[in-house]
Amino acid sequence: MWWFQRGVCFLPVTLVVWSLAAFILNYVIAVLLGHIDPVIPYISDTSSEIPESCLFGFMLSISSFFGLSTVYVRYKQVEALAIGGEPRLHRLNSAALVLGFLTSLGMCIVANFQRSAIISVHLLGATLTFGSGVLYILVQTAMSYYMQPRFHRKDILWARTAVGLWTLASVITMFVSSVILYDVLPGVDVTSKLHWRPGEKGYTAHLVSTASEWSLAFSFIMYFLTYIRDFQKLRLRVQAVLQSNHLYDYGHYNVRGHVHHGEHSPLLAGSI
């Protein structure tokens, strides 16, 4: 059995591979069609024109679904491991679930309300994605501190801490450079400016801001790679139970039966 076939580690792996493909493929198409500059545009700039906007919306919507699934499975795993454990871990786990759902919701909003359509809704989705995503990573890293060395080795904690620091550095740099960019270009609609010339006023701040945004996005994606070992310990079991007792008499076209109300169909059950 290959490593990606163990447990349900296909969830974070698929999320990472598909999200990377969405960003990179969209960027390549936008550059080849001349819709953006090849030197580090904003991620939203790569979906400003058709056909890349359609592709980006489609692929990012699927990424949000995989993100939601991964976040929920992670929540159920920690919930099962922390049975009878300290209340602090349960509270952090619940907070992580909410933040993960908000991050996935933000991704879905960004995918369906792109910058060229409704800028205010797009910015709301981006704020949800980045803001909730940063908090989700920090909360999960704190949970890893309380879970090691009982549930995973210390190297997982160090890996998540490193990615968490990478995320913090990226979001701080992006915020500061964006403030500087708007300060040096008063009255300029920076959000709709797609082409920048080297030496132009605000060009350096623009490059730092866009590079920080890409760095932040990649730090989100890379964080889910740290789930692979944990998800390899999980198994999915599909079980459908229909409580009914039917008697069919096809010879006389009569149907007699009794159905017990309260159908029970647990679709997903995980075991560790």
Protein backbone atom coordinates (compact mmCIF):
# COMPACT_ATOMS: atom_id res chain seq x y z
CA MET A 1 0.00 0.00 0.00
CA TRP A 2 1.33 3.44 -1.00
CA TRP A 3 1.64 6.14 1.67
CA PHE A 4 -1.22 8.20 0.21
CA GLN A 5 -3.53 5.16 0.37
CA ARG A 6 -3.25 4.83 4.15
CA GLY A 7 -6.21 6.02 6.16
CA VAL A 8 -7.78 9.22 4.87
CA CYS A 9 -4.58 11.15 4.18
CA PHE A 10 -5.87 11.58 0.62
CA LEU A 11 -7.95 14.50 1.98
CA PRO A 12 -5.08 16.88 2.90
CA VAL A 13 -3.01 15.62 -0.05
CA THR A 14 -5.81 16.32 -2.52
CA LEU A 15 -6.44 19.71 -0.92
CA VAL A 16 -2.79 20.71 -1.29
CA VAL A 17 -2.31 19.40 -4.84
CA TRP A 18 -5.60 20.80 -6.16
CA SER A 19 -5.10 24.23 -4.55
CA LEU A 20 -1.56 24.53 -5.90
CA ALA A 21 -2.84 23.57 -9.34
CA ALA A 22 -5.57 26.22 -9.11
CA PHE A 23 -3.09 29.01 -8.30
CA ILE A 24 -0.30 27.99 -10.68
CA LEU A 25 -2.43 27.02 -13.68
CA ASN A 26 -4.47 30.19 -13.40
CA TYR A 27 -1.29 32.30 -13.20
CA VAL A 28 0.24 30.63 -16.26
CA ILE A 29 -2.88 31.13 -18.39
CA ALA A 30 -3.24 34.79 -17.34
CA VAL A 31 0.41 35.52 -18.17
CA LEU A 32 0.30 33.70 -21.52
CA LEU A 33 -2.81 35.66 -22.54
CA GLY A 34 -1.20 38.94 -21.49
CA HIS A 35 -3.85 39.78 -18.90
CA ILE A 36 -1.32 40.35 -16.09
CA ASP A 37 2.35 41.11 -15.61
CA PRO A 38 4.50 38.00 -15.06
CA VAL A 39 6.31 39.56 -12.06
CA ILE A 40 4.30 38.53 -8.97
CA PRO A 41 0.76 39.85 -9.47
CA TYR A 42 -1.90 39.66 -6.79
CA ILE A 43 -3.62 36.29 -6.70
CA SER A 44 -6.95 37.94 -7.48
CA ASP A 45 -5.37 39.60 -10.55
CA THR A 46 -4.83 36.18 -12.10
CA SER A 47 -8.62 35.72 -12.27
CA SER A 48 -9.55 39.16 -13.56
CA GLU A 49 -10.37 38.09 -17.11
CA ILE A 50 -12.10 35.23 -18.90
CA PRO A 51 -11.21 32.32 -19.32
CA GLU A 52 -8.94 32.14 -16.27
CA SER A 53 -11.62 33.65 -14.02
CA CYS A 54 -13.97 30.76 -14.85
CA LEU A 55 -11.26 28.18 -14.21
CA PHE A 56 -10.20 29.82 -10.96
CA GLY A 57 -13.76 29.95 -9.64
CA PHE A 58 -14.36 26.30 -10.50
CA MET A 59 -11.12 25.00 -8.99
CA LEU A 60 -11.24 27.16 -5.87
CA SER A 61 -14.81 26.06 -5.15
CA ILE A 62 -13.60 22.45 -5.12
CA SER A 63 -10.69 23.46 -2.89
CA SER A 64 -13.14 24.97 -0.41
CA PHE A 65 -15.02 21.65 -0.33
CA PHE A 66 -11.85 19.67 0.35
CA GLY A 67 -10.83 22.25 2.95
CA LEU A 68 -14.17 21.91 4.72
CA SER A 69 -13.91 18.11 4.69
CA THR A 70 -10.34 18.15 6.01
CA VAL A 71 -11.18 20.58 8.79
CA TYR A 72 -14.17 18.50 9.89
CA VAL A 73 -12.26 15.20 9.88
CA ARG A 74 -9.47 16.84 11.88
CA TYR A 75 -12.05 18.08 14.40
CA LYS A 76 -13.58 14.60 14.80
CA GLN A 77 -10.13 13.04 15.19
CA VAL A 78 -9.07 15.40 17.97
CA GLU A 79 -12.48 15.05 19.61
CA ALA A 80 -12.04 11.26 19.72
CA LEU A 81 -8.48 11.49 21.02
CA ALA A 82 -9.35 14.05 23.68
CA ILE A 83 -12.20 12.09 25.27
CA GLY A 84 -11.78 12.49 29.02
CA GLY A 85 -8.90 14.89 28.42
CA GLU A 86 -8.42 18.47 29.50
CA PRO A 87 -11.25 20.94 28.72
CA ARG A 88 -8.77 23.38 27.18
CA LEU A 89 -8.15 21.02 24.27
CA HIS A 90 -11.89 20.62 23.67
CA ARG A 91 -12.37 24.39 23.58
CA LEU A 92 -9.48 24.88 21.17
CA ASN A 93 -10.81 22.10 18.97
CA SER A 94 -14.26 23.70 18.78
CA ALA A 95 -12.73 27.09 18.00
CA ALA A 96 -10.60 25.52 15.25
CA LEU A 97 -13.71 23.96 13.70
CA VAL A 98 -15.48 27.33 13.51
CA LEU A 99 -12.39 29.07 12.12
CA GLY A 100 -11.88 26.30 9.57
CA PHE A 101 -15.49 26.60 8.41
CA LEU A 102 -15.12 30.39 8.08
CA THR A 103 -11.92 29.94 6.06
CA SER A 104 -13.64 27.52 3.68
CA LEU A 105 -16.61 29.88 3.40
CA GLY A 106 -14.24 32.72 2.54
CA MET A 107 -12.62 30.62 -0.19
CA CYS A 108 -16.04 29.85 -1.64
CA ILE A 109 -16.95 33.56 -1.64
CA VAL A 110 -13.67 34.49 -3.35
CA ALA A 111 -14.28 31.78 -5.97
CA ASN A 112 -17.80 32.95 -6.83
CA PHE A 113 -17.45 36.71 -6.33
CA GLN A 114 -14.21 37.54 -8.04
CA ARG A 115 -12.60 40.95 -8.04
CA SER A 116 -13.82 41.89 -11.50
CA ALA A 117 -17.42 41.28 -10.42
CA ILE A 118 -18.27 42.60 -6.93
CA ILE A 119 -15.14 43.96 -5.28
CA SER A 120 -16.67 44.48 -1.81
CA VAL A 121 -17.92 40.90 -1.55
CA HIS A 122 -14.61 39.61 -2.93
CA LEU A 123 -12.69 41.55 -0.27
CA LEU A 124 -15.01 40.16 2.41
CA GLY A 125 -14.22 36.62 1.22
CA ALA A 126 -10.48 37.35 1.15
CA THR A 127 -10.63 38.77 4.69
CA LEU A 128 -12.49 35.69 5.91
CA THR A 129 -10.02 33.38 4.18
CA PHE A 130 -6.83 35.05 5.37
CA GLY A 131 -8.04 36.24 8.78
CA SER A 132 -9.75 33.02 9.83
CA GLY A 133 -7.01 30.97 8.17
CA VAL A 134 -4.25 32.60 10.21
CA LEU A 135 -6.20 32.07 13.44
CA TYR A 136 -6.96 28.47 12.46
CA ILE A 137 -3.26 27.71 12.00
CA LEU A 138 -2.37 29.33 15.33
CA VAL A 139 -5.09 27.42 17.19
CA GLN A 140 -4.11 24.10 15.61
CA THR A 141 -0.48 24.74 16.54
CA ALA A 142 -1.50 25.41 20.13
CA MET A 143 -3.49 22.17 20.11
CA SER A 144 -0.42 20.29 18.87
CA TYR A 145 1.51 21.63 21.87
CA TYR A 146 -0.99 20.03 24.26
CA MET A 147 -1.26 16.82 22.22
CA GLN A 148 2.44 15.94 22.04
CA PRO A 149 4.09 13.63 22.86
CA ARG A 150 1.01 11.49 23.67
CA PHE A 151 -0.70 11.69 20.27
CA HIS A 152 2.10 12.68 17.90
CA ARG A 153 5.84 13.24 17.97
CA LYS A 154 7.49 16.53 18.75
CA ASP A 155 8.70 16.99 15.17
CA ILE A 156 5.08 17.54 14.08
CA LEU A 157 4.80 20.34 16.62
CA TRP A 158 8.00 21.95 15.35
CA ALA A 159 6.82 21.68 11.73
CA ARG A 160 3.49 23.32 12.55
CA THR A 161 5.20 26.00 14.60
CA ALA A 162 7.53 26.81 11.70
CA VAL A 163 4.65 27.10 9.25
CA GLY A 164 2.72 29.17 11.79
CA LEU A 165 5.62 31.63 12.10
CA TRP A 166 5.87 31.72 8.29
CA THR A 167 2.17 32.59 8.15
CA LEU A 168 2.48 35.33 10.78
CA ALA A 169 5.47 36.88 9.02
CA SER A 170 3.63 36.83 5.68
CA VAL A 171 0.44 38.44 6.97
CA ILE A 172 2.33 41.17 8.87
CA THR A 173 4.49 41.96 5.84
CA MET A 174 1.45 42.03 3.56
CA PHE A 175 -0.42 44.39 5.88
CA VAL A 176 2.48 46.81 6.33
CA SER A 177 3.39 46.92 2.63
CA SER A 178 -0.27 47.42 1.64
CA VAL A 179 -0.57 50.37 4.03
CA ILE A 180 2.61 51.87 2.57
CA LEU A 181 1.32 51.28 -0.98
CA TYR A 182 -1.94 53.12 -0.36
CA ASP A 183 -0.06 55.87 1.47
CA VAL A 184 2.34 56.62 -1.41
CA LEU A 185 -0.44 56.44 -4.01
CA PRO A 186 -3.28 58.53 -2.58
CA GLY A 187 -6.34 58.66 -4.81
CA VAL A 188 -5.16 55.75 -6.98
CA ASP A 189 -7.44 52.70 -7.26
CA VAL A 190 -4.73 50.15 -6.51
CA THR A 191 -7.20 47.25 -6.47
CA SER A 192 -7.99 47.67 -10.18
CA LYS A 193 -4.44 48.39 -11.36
CA LEU A 194 -3.19 45.30 -13.21
CA HIS A 195 0.02 46.51 -14.86
CA TRP A 196 3.01 48.01 -13.04
CA ARG A 197 6.25 49.35 -14.51
CA PRO A 198 9.63 49.00 -12.75
CA GLY A 199 10.63 52.31 -11.18
CA GLU A 200 7.02 53.46 -11.00
CA LYS A 201 5.94 55.10 -7.75
CA GLY A 202 4.80 52.42 -5.32
CA TYR A 203 6.27 49.60 -7.42
CA THR A 204 8.50 48.21 -4.63
CA ALA A 205 5.68 48.27 -2.07
CA HIS A 206 3.45 46.56 -4.63
CA LEU A 207 5.99 43.76 -5.17
CA VAL A 208 6.41 43.22 -1.43
CA SER A 209 2.65 43.15 -0.94
CA THR A 210 1.99 40.68 -3.75
CA ALA A 211 4.90 38.43 -2.75
CA SER A 212 3.60 38.40 0.83
CA GLU A 213 0.12 37.42 -0.40
CA TRP A 214 1.50 34.47 -2.38
CA SER A 215 3.68 33.51 0.58
CA LEU A 216 0.63 33.61 2.86
CA ALA A 217 -1.41 31.46 0.49
CA PHE A 218 1.35 28.87 0.19
CA SER A 219 1.83 28.77 3.98
CA PHE A 220 -1.88 27.91 4.34
CA ILE A 221 -1.55 25.11 1.83
CA MET A 222 1.68 23.72 3.27
CA TYR A 223 0.20 23.57 6.77
CA PHE A 224 -2.19 20.82 5.70
CA LEU A 225 0.76 18.64 4.73
CA THR A 226 1.43 18.25 8.46
CA TYR A 227 -1.91 16.40 8.74
CA ILE A 228 -0.77 13.49 6.58
CA ARG A 229 0.68 11.34 9.37
CA ASP A 230 -2.31 11.97 11.62
CA PHE A 231 -4.81 11.17 8.86
CA GLN A 232 -2.99 7.94 8.02
CA LYS A 233 -4.21 6.63 11.38
CA LEU A 234 -7.87 7.12 10.43
CA ARG A 235 -10.23 4.81 8.57
CA LEU A 236 -13.54 5.70 6.94
CA ARG A 237 -16.42 3.29 7.21
CA VAL A 238 -19.59 3.81 5.19
CA GLN A 239 -22.68 2.33 6.80
CA ALA A 240 -26.34 2.74 5.87
CA VAL A 241 -29.04 1.29 8.12
CA LEU A 242 -32.71 1.40 7.18
CA GLN A 243 -35.03 0.19 9.90
CA SER A 244 -38.04 -1.21 8.05
CA ASN A 245 -40.05 -4.39 7.64
CA HIS A 246 -41.85 -4.74 4.34
CA LEU A 247 -43.92 -7.61 2.94
CA TYR A 248 -44.61 -7.43 -0.78
CA ASP A 249 -47.28 -9.56 -2.46
CA TYR A 250 -46.68 -8.98 -6.13
CA GLY A 251 -49.09 -11.71 -7.21
CA HIS A 252 -52.12 -9.73 -6.01
CA TYR A 253 -50.53 -6.31 -6.41
CA ASN A 254 -50.93 -5.69 -2.69
CA VAL A 255 -48.24 -4.16 -0.54
CA ARG A 256 -48.33 -4.59 3.21
CA GLY A 257 -45.68 -3.29 5.51
CA HIS A 258 -44.70 -1.42 8.57
CA VAL A 259 -42.00 1.25 8.69
CA HIS A 260 -40.28 2.25 11.90
CA HIS A 261 -39.83 5.99 12.09
CA GLY A 262 -36.45 7.42 12.96
CA GLU A 263 -34.28 6.18 10.10
CA HIS A 264 -30.65 5.96 11.11
CA SER A 265 -28.00 6.40 8.41
CA PRO A 266 -24.52 7.23 9.67
CA LEU A 267 -22.70 7.95 6.45
CA LEU A 268 -19.28 8.61 7.86
CA ALA A 269 -17.74 6.89 10.81
CA GLY A 270 -14.07 7.16 11.66
CA SER A 271 -12.01 4.88 13.81
CA ILE A 272 -8.51 5.49 15.12
